[in-house]
Amino acid sequence: MSTLWAFPGQGAQQPGMLHHLPDSPIVQACLAEACEVLGEPVLALDTAEALRATRAVQLCLLIAGVAGARLLLARDARPDYVAGLSIGAYAAAVVAGALAFADAVRLVALRGELMQQAYPEGYGMTAILGLDLASLEPLLAAVNSAELPVYLANINADNQLIIAGSEAAMQRVAERARGLGAGMAKALAVSVPSHCALLAEPAAQLAAAFAEVTVQRPSVRYLSSSSARLISDPEKLRDDLAHNMCRVVDWQGTLQTAFERGVRLHLELPPGNVLSGLARRVFEPGMAIAFQGSRLDTLDAMLRQEVNRSR
């Protein structure tokens, strides 16, 4: 049996998320490294006001995920697999040893800026709960147009789907979804239309920047949340990271792949616990836990127990 360390994506951000990390020299060193790379105080990025900007959100998620993981690694915990939802893939790649943290910080800062500049207002993402993909896809096809763009963005579970596009288009899809029995259609705290064709141009620009960065073969098995498959080739991993902003996230498929490969412990790195809730649907009779809200000694015990079981 194996362990998956999962890193959350945009929407999981919380004010104070960097300030609430454990007070540890390892965490402080991670924060200091990010400050040095960016040339700015990263602890100013996690205020409620700062988190209105995509760049700040994505940087905070990267830093929080890597800091939490490094703290566990220093306590002799090791993942068998890593995966990240959207921006979380960058933290996963750092923890897998495929991407240097400093390079990830620079690329994520650029990623956030490109996405912000492409769609500064009027666009976003909406969660549709209670409909399956077969029911949602005709609604998207009926609304989507050049004037009202809207696309499938995330497959989080059988009946938890995310759409992205213009606010007007998403509202139309939401109304029709409710008419078909959707339990909820809720706008997410994401101000850009991620994981669809609308971000193809920013993704191409990010790929050009990625060409100047070293990507290594991961030392920990890396699961792509776009393809739901393992990636070990550095060039394929480079492509996966650069273009995941314009590709549909198949998180349900990613979790299923991990389960089929023997993963029975899902650990969600900070911030939040949304991914743990999704994992519990798949990892039965396994276990899904979150770093946030757990004592470090409790996490140590769970991770050691899983290692012993796998021997």
Protein backbone atom coordinates (compact mmCIF):
# COMPACT_ATOMS: atom_id res chain seq x y z
CA MET A 1 0.00 0.00 0.00
CA SER A 2 1.21 3.47 -0.87
CA THR A 3 0.75 7.12 -0.01
CA LEU A 4 -0.31 10.00 -2.26
CA TRP A 5 0.54 13.58 -1.32
CA ALA A 6 -1.99 15.87 -2.99
CA PHE A 7 -1.64 19.63 -3.45
CA PRO A 8 -4.76 21.82 -3.80
CA GLY A 9 -5.54 24.32 -6.52
CA GLN A 10 -6.99 27.78 -6.75
CA GLY A 11 -10.15 28.15 -4.69
CA ALA A 12 -8.53 26.53 -1.65
CA GLN A 13 -6.78 29.77 -0.64
CA GLN A 14 -7.49 31.25 2.81
CA PRO A 15 -6.50 34.62 4.29
CA GLY A 16 -3.51 34.12 6.57
CA MET A 17 -2.63 30.78 5.01
CA LEU A 18 1.12 31.45 5.13
CA HIS A 19 0.96 32.93 8.61
CA HIS A 20 -0.86 29.83 9.87
CA LEU A 21 1.86 27.41 8.78
CA PRO A 22 3.74 25.73 11.65
CA ASP A 23 6.39 27.94 13.23
CA SER A 24 9.42 25.94 12.16
CA PRO A 25 12.90 26.80 10.84
CA ILE A 26 12.11 24.69 7.78
CA VAL A 27 8.98 26.68 7.02
CA GLN A 28 10.77 29.96 7.69
CA ALA A 29 13.55 28.95 5.30
CA CYS A 30 10.98 28.20 2.60
CA LEU A 31 9.35 31.60 3.09
CA ALA A 32 12.74 33.32 3.04
CA GLU A 33 13.73 31.60 -0.21
CA ALA A 34 10.50 32.72 -1.86
CA CYS A 35 11.06 36.29 -0.63
CA GLU A 36 14.55 36.31 -2.09
CA VAL A 37 13.39 35.01 -5.47
CA LEU A 38 10.48 37.45 -5.75
CA GLY A 39 12.21 40.43 -4.16
CA GLU A 40 9.13 41.10 -2.03
CA PRO A 41 7.74 40.01 1.35
CA VAL A 42 5.63 36.92 0.68
CA LEU A 43 3.80 37.23 3.99
CA ALA A 44 2.07 40.27 2.48
CA LEU A 45 0.49 38.04 -0.18
CA ASP A 46 -1.97 36.17 2.02
CA THR A 47 -4.19 39.04 3.18
CA ALA A 48 -7.82 38.98 2.07
CA GLU A 49 -7.18 41.99 -0.15
CA ALA A 50 -4.01 40.57 -1.73
CA LEU A 51 -5.74 37.25 -2.46
CA ARG A 52 -8.09 38.98 -4.87
CA ALA A 53 -5.21 38.77 -7.35
CA THR A 54 -4.55 35.49 -9.16
CA ARG A 55 -0.77 35.93 -8.87
CA ALA A 56 -0.89 36.18 -5.08
CA VAL A 57 -3.25 33.21 -4.77
CA GLN A 58 -1.10 30.94 -6.88
CA LEU A 59 2.13 31.92 -5.14
CA CYS A 60 0.61 31.35 -1.71
CA LEU A 61 -0.66 27.90 -2.73
CA LEU A 62 2.77 26.94 -4.07
CA ILE A 63 4.63 28.18 -1.01
CA ALA A 64 2.22 26.67 1.50
CA GLY A 65 2.27 23.28 -0.21
CA VAL A 66 6.06 23.09 -0.51
CA ALA A 67 6.60 24.35 3.06
CA GLY A 68 4.22 21.76 4.49
CA ALA A 69 5.79 18.98 2.46
CA ARG A 70 9.34 19.97 3.39
CA LEU A 71 8.38 19.92 7.04
CA LEU A 72 7.14 16.33 6.71
CA LEU A 73 10.14 15.28 4.62
CA ALA A 74 12.44 16.56 7.36
CA ARG A 75 10.57 14.26 9.76
CA ASP A 76 11.40 11.26 7.51
CA ALA A 77 7.99 11.01 5.83
CA ARG A 78 8.10 10.16 2.12
CA PRO A 79 5.33 10.04 -0.50
CA ASP A 80 5.06 7.23 -3.02
CA TYR A 81 3.09 9.44 -5.39
CA VAL A 82 2.47 13.19 -5.74
CA ALA A 83 -0.26 15.01 -7.63
CA GLY A 84 -1.54 18.56 -7.72
CA LEU A 85 -4.82 20.06 -8.85
CA SER A 86 -4.01 22.85 -11.33
CA ILE A 87 -1.47 25.16 -9.67
CA GLY A 88 -0.91 22.41 -7.10
CA ALA A 89 0.97 20.50 -9.80
CA TYR A 90 3.89 22.93 -9.38
CA ALA A 91 4.25 22.09 -5.69
CA ALA A 92 3.96 18.39 -6.58
CA ALA A 93 6.76 18.74 -9.14
CA VAL A 94 9.00 20.51 -6.59
CA VAL A 95 8.41 17.81 -3.97
CA ALA A 96 9.07 15.13 -6.59
CA GLY A 97 12.49 16.70 -7.27
CA ALA A 98 11.61 17.55 -10.87
CA LEU A 99 11.55 21.36 -10.53
CA ALA A 100 13.66 23.62 -8.33
CA PHE A 101 11.58 25.62 -5.85
CA ALA A 102 13.16 28.91 -6.99
CA ASP A 103 12.24 28.16 -10.61
CA ALA A 104 8.73 27.18 -9.57
CA VAL A 105 8.29 30.50 -7.73
CA ARG A 106 9.37 32.48 -10.79
CA LEU A 107 7.17 30.47 -13.15
CA VAL A 108 4.12 30.62 -10.89
CA ALA A 109 4.48 34.39 -10.52
CA LEU A 110 4.54 34.66 -14.31
CA ARG A 111 1.66 32.18 -14.66
CA GLY A 112 -0.53 34.25 -12.37
CA GLU A 113 0.35 37.48 -14.14
CA LEU A 114 -0.39 36.04 -17.58
CA MET A 115 -3.76 34.69 -16.47
CA GLN A 116 -4.70 37.98 -14.76
CA GLN A 117 -3.75 40.05 -17.79
CA ALA A 118 -5.68 37.82 -20.19
CA TYR A 119 -8.96 38.10 -18.28
CA PRO A 120 -8.89 40.93 -15.73
CA GLU A 121 -12.67 40.87 -15.18
CA GLY A 122 -15.94 39.30 -16.28
CA TYR A 123 -14.69 35.70 -16.24
CA GLY A 124 -14.28 32.92 -13.72
CA MET A 125 -15.32 29.40 -12.73
CA THR A 126 -18.52 27.85 -11.37
CA ALA A 127 -19.12 24.54 -9.59
CA ILE A 128 -22.08 22.47 -10.76
CA LEU A 129 -23.12 19.89 -8.17
CA GLY A 130 -25.63 17.13 -8.72
CA LEU A 131 -25.31 16.64 -12.50
CA ASP A 132 -23.19 14.09 -14.32
CA LEU A 133 -21.00 14.85 -17.31
CA ALA A 134 -23.47 13.41 -19.81
CA SER A 135 -26.12 15.87 -18.60
CA LEU A 136 -23.82 18.90 -18.42
CA GLU A 137 -22.10 18.65 -21.79
CA PRO A 138 -25.25 19.40 -23.87
CA LEU A 139 -25.87 22.51 -21.75
CA LEU A 140 -22.36 23.77 -22.43
CA ALA A 141 -22.75 23.10 -26.16
CA ALA A 142 -26.05 24.98 -26.24
CA VAL A 143 -24.65 28.12 -24.56
CA ASN A 144 -21.05 28.26 -25.75
CA SER A 145 -20.35 30.83 -28.48
CA ALA A 146 -17.83 33.51 -29.34
CA GLU A 147 -19.92 36.04 -27.39
CA LEU A 148 -20.70 33.67 -24.50
CA PRO A 149 -17.74 31.32 -24.10
CA VAL A 150 -18.10 28.53 -21.53
CA TYR A 151 -16.32 25.19 -21.20
CA LEU A 152 -15.90 22.15 -18.98
CA ALA A 153 -12.91 22.80 -16.69
CA ASN A 154 -12.73 20.18 -13.91
CA ILE A 155 -14.05 16.68 -13.33
CA ASN A 156 -13.78 16.46 -9.55
CA ALA A 157 -16.29 13.65 -9.03
CA ASP A 158 -19.17 11.96 -10.84
CA ASN A 159 -21.54 14.71 -9.74
CA GLN A 160 -19.11 17.55 -9.01
CA LEU A 161 -18.08 19.37 -12.16
CA ILE A 162 -16.52 22.79 -12.73
CA ILE A 163 -17.13 25.05 -15.71
CA ALA A 164 -15.15 28.10 -16.84
CA GLY A 165 -15.91 31.05 -19.05
CA SER A 166 -17.62 34.41 -19.08
CA GLU A 167 -19.84 35.22 -16.12
CA ALA A 168 -22.88 35.68 -18.37
CA ALA A 169 -22.36 32.32 -20.05
CA MET A 170 -21.83 30.51 -16.77
CA GLN A 171 -25.02 32.03 -15.37
CA ARG A 172 -26.98 30.66 -18.34
CA VAL A 173 -25.51 27.20 -17.89
CA ALA A 174 -26.19 27.36 -14.15
CA GLU A 175 -29.85 28.25 -14.72
CA ARG A 176 -30.29 25.34 -17.12
CA ALA A 177 -28.43 22.99 -14.78
CA ARG A 178 -30.77 23.86 -11.92
CA GLY A 179 -33.67 23.14 -14.24
CA LEU A 180 -32.28 19.64 -14.75
CA GLY A 181 -32.00 19.07 -11.01
CA ALA A 182 -28.51 20.30 -10.11
CA GLY A 183 -28.32 20.71 -6.35
CA MET A 184 -26.02 23.72 -6.53
CA ALA A 185 -24.39 26.05 -9.03
CA LYS A 186 -21.89 28.20 -7.17
CA ALA A 187 -19.33 30.72 -8.41
CA LEU A 188 -15.83 29.88 -7.15
CA ALA A 189 -13.20 32.22 -5.74
CA VAL A 190 -11.33 32.12 -9.04
CA SER A 191 -11.27 35.24 -11.20
CA VAL A 192 -9.98 33.65 -14.43
CA PRO A 193 -11.42 30.96 -16.76
CA SER A 194 -8.91 28.21 -16.01
CA HIS A 195 -8.62 24.81 -17.69
CA CYS A 196 -10.15 25.64 -21.03
CA ALA A 197 -9.24 26.92 -24.48
CA LEU A 198 -9.56 30.54 -23.34
CA LEU A 199 -6.11 30.26 -21.75
CA ALA A 200 -4.33 28.67 -24.70
CA GLU A 201 -2.37 31.86 -25.50
CA PRO A 202 -1.15 32.50 -21.92
CA ALA A 203 -0.16 28.82 -21.76
CA ALA A 204 1.95 29.21 -24.90
CA GLN A 205 3.69 32.22 -23.36
CA LEU A 206 4.38 30.27 -20.19
CA ALA A 207 5.74 27.36 -22.22
CA ALA A 208 8.25 29.74 -23.81
CA ALA A 209 9.48 30.73 -20.33
CA PHE A 210 9.58 27.08 -19.31
CA ALA A 211 11.99 26.36 -22.14
CA GLU A 212 14.68 28.24 -20.16
CA VAL A 213 14.17 26.16 -17.01
CA THR A 214 15.68 22.80 -16.09
CA VAL A 215 13.15 20.01 -15.51
CA GLN A 216 14.49 16.72 -14.21
CA ARG A 217 13.13 13.20 -14.06
CA PRO A 218 11.02 13.05 -10.88
CA SER A 219 12.38 10.96 -8.01
CA VAL A 220 8.83 10.42 -6.74
CA ARG A 221 6.07 9.14 -9.04
CA TYR A 222 4.24 12.17 -10.45
CA LEU A 223 0.58 11.88 -11.48
CA SER A 224 -0.70 14.45 -13.95
CA SER A 225 -4.10 15.87 -13.02
CA SER A 226 -4.70 16.65 -16.69
CA SER A 227 -4.15 13.16 -18.11
CA ALA A 228 -4.60 11.18 -14.87
CA ARG A 229 -1.43 9.28 -15.83
CA LEU A 230 2.11 8.97 -14.55
CA ILE A 231 4.69 11.25 -16.15
CA SER A 232 8.41 10.60 -15.77
CA ASP A 233 9.89 12.07 -18.95
CA PRO A 234 11.17 15.60 -18.20
CA GLU A 235 9.93 17.08 -21.49
CA LYS A 236 6.45 15.65 -21.03
CA LEU A 237 6.43 16.97 -17.47
CA ARG A 238 7.49 20.42 -18.72
CA ASP A 239 4.57 20.36 -21.18
CA ASP A 240 2.15 19.17 -18.50
CA LEU A 241 3.03 22.02 -16.15
CA ALA A 242 3.15 24.77 -18.77
CA HIS A 243 -0.18 23.86 -20.38
CA ASN A 244 -2.26 22.61 -17.47
CA MET A 245 -3.93 26.03 -17.23
CA CYS A 246 -5.71 25.38 -20.55
CA ARG A 247 -6.42 21.66 -20.14
CA VAL A 248 -9.35 20.03 -18.36
CA VAL A 249 -8.52 18.75 -14.87
CA ASP A 250 -9.52 15.11 -14.37
CA TRP A 251 -9.06 14.91 -10.62
CA GLN A 252 -11.49 12.02 -10.30
CA GLY A 253 -9.42 10.06 -12.81
CA THR A 254 -6.19 11.00 -11.04
CA LEU A 255 -7.48 9.66 -7.73
CA GLN A 256 -8.76 6.51 -9.41
CA THR A 257 -5.36 5.90 -11.01
CA ALA A 258 -3.67 6.30 -7.63
CA PHE A 259 -6.12 3.89 -6.01
CA GLU A 260 -5.64 1.30 -8.76
CA ARG A 261 -1.88 1.53 -8.17
CA GLY A 262 -2.30 0.61 -4.52
CA VAL A 263 -2.54 4.01 -2.84
CA ARG A 264 -4.56 3.76 0.36
CA LEU A 265 -3.46 6.91 2.22
CA HIS A 266 -4.23 10.31 0.72
CA LEU A 267 -2.53 13.25 2.44
CA GLU A 268 -3.67 16.73 1.46
CA LEU A 269 -0.99 19.38 1.88
CA PRO A 270 -1.99 22.90 2.95
CA PRO A 271 -4.15 24.80 2.69
CA GLY A 272 -7.58 23.33 3.34
CA ASN A 273 -9.30 19.96 3.20
CA VAL A 274 -11.42 20.04 0.04
CA LEU A 275 -9.30 17.39 -1.70
CA SER A 276 -9.63 15.08 1.28
CA GLY A 277 -13.39 15.15 0.91
CA LEU A 278 -13.10 14.19 -2.77
CA ALA A 279 -10.59 11.45 -1.96
CA ARG A 280 -12.87 9.76 0.56
CA ARG A 281 -15.22 8.91 -2.30
CA VAL A 282 -12.45 6.93 -3.99
CA PHE A 283 -10.15 5.71 -1.21
CA GLU A 284 -12.60 3.44 0.56
CA PRO A 285 -11.47 1.48 2.58
CA GLY A 286 -8.35 3.64 2.65
CA MET A 287 -7.80 6.90 4.47
CA ALA A 288 -7.82 10.57 3.45
CA ILE A 289 -6.37 13.16 5.82
CA ALA A 290 -5.38 16.82 5.61
CA PHE A 291 -2.23 18.51 6.91
CA GLN A 292 -4.25 21.52 8.01
CA GLY A 293 -5.93 20.88 11.34
CA SER A 294 -3.80 17.81 12.12
CA ARG A 295 -1.06 17.54 14.73
CA LEU A 296 2.36 16.78 13.29
CA ASP A 297 2.82 13.82 15.62
CA THR A 298 -0.52 12.42 14.42
CA LEU A 299 0.57 12.76 10.81
CA ASP A 300 3.90 11.11 11.69
CA ALA A 301 2.12 8.13 13.20
CA MET A 302 -0.25 7.70 10.25
CA LEU A 303 2.51 7.99 7.66
CA ARG A 304 4.78 5.57 9.54
CA GLN A 305 1.94 3.09 9.86
CA GLU A 306 1.31 3.22 6.12
CA VAL A 307 5.02 2.69 5.39
CA ASN A 308 5.11 -0.35 7.66
CA ARG A 309 2.00 -1.80 6.01
CA SER A 310 3.59 -1.47 2.57
CA ARG A 311 6.62 -3.55 3.50
